[in-house]
Amino acid sequence: MDTSHAHPDTFEPVLSLSELADRLHVTVQTLYDLRSRGRGPRGFRVGRELRFRSSEIEAWLTRMEADDAARHPDRP
């Protein structure tokens, strides 16, 4: 495969499961639990490790905010 035209900036940043947990100040288990209930971010595996695209994390957080606002419409 010819990779001579590949540039490191062409890839969207990704986070590992533990990196995402650290950034959100939650446990890895919390993210596993959310994913098992269909409420977690979409990810993909690289080998045995889960990875999450930055754009998917942003979209997921936006969905979580909208869901929370719908459940609690009287909160600011």
C-alpha atoms as a PDB file:
ATOM      1  CA  MET A   1       0.000   0.000   0.000  1.00  0.00           C
ATOM      2  CA  ASP A   2       1.354   3.398  -0.963  1.00  0.00           C
ATOM      3  CA  THR A   3       1.314   5.697   2.079  1.00  0.00           C
ATOM      4  CA  SER A   4       3.588   8.364   0.651  1.00  0.00           C
ATOM      5  CA  HIS A   5       0.647  10.782   0.369  1.00  0.00           C
ATOM      6  CA  ALA A   6      -0.648  10.148   3.880  1.00  0.00           C
ATOM      7  CA  HIS A   7      -0.333  13.063   6.272  1.00  0.00           C
ATOM      8  CA  PRO A   8      -0.739  12.726  10.055  1.00  0.00           C
ATOM      9  CA  ASP A   9      -3.224  15.622  10.168  1.00  0.00           C
ATOM     10  CA  THR A  10      -5.688  13.795   7.916  1.00  0.00           C
ATOM     11  CA  PHE A  11      -6.862  11.575  10.770  1.00  0.00           C
ATOM     12  CA  GLU A  12      -9.472  12.745  13.194  1.00  0.00           C
ATOM     13  CA  PRO A  13      -8.274  12.576  16.810  1.00  0.00           C
ATOM     14  CA  VAL A  14      -9.442   9.542  18.748  1.00  0.00           C
ATOM     15  CA  LEU A  15      -9.541   8.728  22.442  1.00  0.00           C
ATOM     16  CA  SER A  16      -9.174   5.407  24.169  1.00  0.00           C
ATOM     17  CA  LEU A  17     -11.815   4.287  26.646  1.00  0.00           C
ATOM     18  CA  SER A  18      -9.631   5.221  29.610  1.00  0.00           C
ATOM     19  CA  GLU A  19      -8.795   8.632  28.089  1.00  0.00           C
ATOM     20  CA  LEU A  20     -12.495   9.356  27.569  1.00  0.00           C
ATOM     21  CA  ALA A  21     -13.304   8.260  31.122  1.00  0.00           C
ATOM     22  CA  ASP A  22     -10.569  10.540  32.464  1.00  0.00           C
ATOM     23  CA  ARG A  23     -11.822  13.531  30.474  1.00  0.00           C
ATOM     24  CA  LEU A  24     -15.395  13.004  31.656  1.00  0.00           C
ATOM     25  CA  HIS A  25     -14.332  12.253  35.247  1.00  0.00           C
ATOM     26  CA  VAL A  26     -16.209   8.944  35.248  1.00  0.00           C
ATOM     27  CA  THR A  27     -15.052   5.373  35.546  1.00  0.00           C
ATOM     28  CA  VAL A  28     -14.375   3.103  32.614  1.00  0.00           C
ATOM     29  CA  GLN A  29     -17.163   0.888  33.989  1.00  0.00           C
ATOM     30  CA  THR A  30     -19.621   3.785  33.721  1.00  0.00           C
ATOM     31  CA  LEU A  31     -18.862   4.065  30.007  1.00  0.00           C
ATOM     32  CA  TYR A  32     -19.196   0.296  29.558  1.00  0.00           C
ATOM     33  CA  ASP A  33     -22.556   0.420  31.360  1.00  0.00           C
ATOM     34  CA  LEU A  34     -23.808   3.292  29.196  1.00  0.00           C
ATOM     35  CA  ARG A  35     -22.746   1.466  26.032  1.00  0.00           C
ATOM     36  CA  SER A  36     -24.427  -1.759  27.147  1.00  0.00           C
ATOM     37  CA  ARG A  37     -27.698   0.189  27.578  1.00  0.00           C
ATOM     38  CA  GLY A  38     -27.341   1.832  24.164  1.00  0.00           C
ATOM     39  CA  ARG A  39     -26.646   5.248  25.710  1.00  0.00           C
ATOM     40  CA  GLY A  40     -22.894   5.441  25.238  1.00  0.00           C
ATOM     41  CA  PRO A  41     -20.808   6.901  22.450  1.00  0.00           C
ATOM     42  CA  ARG A  42     -20.262   4.931  19.269  1.00  0.00           C
ATOM     43  CA  GLY A  43     -16.788   3.536  19.125  1.00  0.00           C
ATOM     44  CA  PHE A  44     -14.704   1.065  17.211  1.00  0.00           C
ATOM     45  CA  ARG A  45     -12.101  -1.498  18.081  1.00  0.00           C
ATOM     46  CA  VAL A  46      -8.450  -1.384  17.202  1.00  0.00           C
ATOM     47  CA  GLY A  47      -7.362  -4.846  18.171  1.00  0.00           C
ATOM     48  CA  ARG A  48      -8.928  -5.383  21.574  1.00  0.00           C
ATOM     49  CA  GLU A  49      -9.065  -1.703  22.501  1.00  0.00           C
ATOM     50  CA  LEU A  50     -12.052   0.607  22.080  1.00  0.00           C
ATOM     51  CA  ARG A  51     -11.472   3.967  20.435  1.00  0.00           C
ATOM     52  CA  PHE A  52     -13.786   6.942  20.016  1.00  0.00           C
ATOM     53  CA  ARG A  53     -13.625   9.649  17.355  1.00  0.00           C
ATOM     54  CA  SER A  54     -13.708  13.201  18.681  1.00  0.00           C
ATOM     55  CA  SER A  55     -16.667  14.032  16.432  1.00  0.00           C
ATOM     56  CA  GLU A  56     -18.647  11.078  17.804  1.00  0.00           C
ATOM     57  CA  ILE A  57     -17.909  12.119  21.375  1.00  0.00           C
ATOM     58  CA  GLU A  58     -19.187  15.641  20.625  1.00  0.00           C
ATOM     59  CA  ALA A  59     -22.325  14.268  18.934  1.00  0.00           C
ATOM     60  CA  TRP A  60     -22.934  11.896  21.849  1.00  0.00           C
ATOM     61  CA  LEU A  61     -22.562  14.685  24.421  1.00  0.00           C
ATOM     62  CA  THR A  62     -24.985  16.831  22.412  1.00  0.00           C
ATOM     63  CA  ARG A  63     -27.508  13.955  22.379  1.00  0.00           C
ATOM     64  CA  MET A  64     -27.072  13.454  26.133  1.00  0.00           C
ATOM     65  CA  GLU A  65     -27.680  17.170  26.757  1.00  0.00           C
ATOM     66  CA  ALA A  66     -30.795  17.154  24.565  1.00  0.00           C
ATOM     67  CA  ASP A  67     -32.135  14.015  26.281  1.00  0.00           C
ATOM     68  CA  ASP A  68     -31.558  15.561  29.697  1.00  0.00           C
ATOM     69  CA  ALA A  69     -33.243  18.812  28.650  1.00  0.00           C
ATOM     70  CA  ALA A  70     -36.268  16.846  27.397  1.00  0.00           C
ATOM     71  CA  ARG A  71     -36.513  14.964  30.703  1.00  0.00           C
ATOM     72  CA  HIS A  72     -36.196  18.165  32.756  1.00  0.00           C
ATOM     73  CA  PRO A  73     -37.729  20.986  30.697  1.00  0.00           C
ATOM     74  CA  ASP A  74     -38.089  23.324  33.697  1.00  0.00           C
ATOM     75  CA  ARG A  75     -34.341  23.401  34.427  1.00  0.00           C
ATOM     76  CA  PRO A  76     -32.091  26.074  32.932  1.00  0.00           C
END
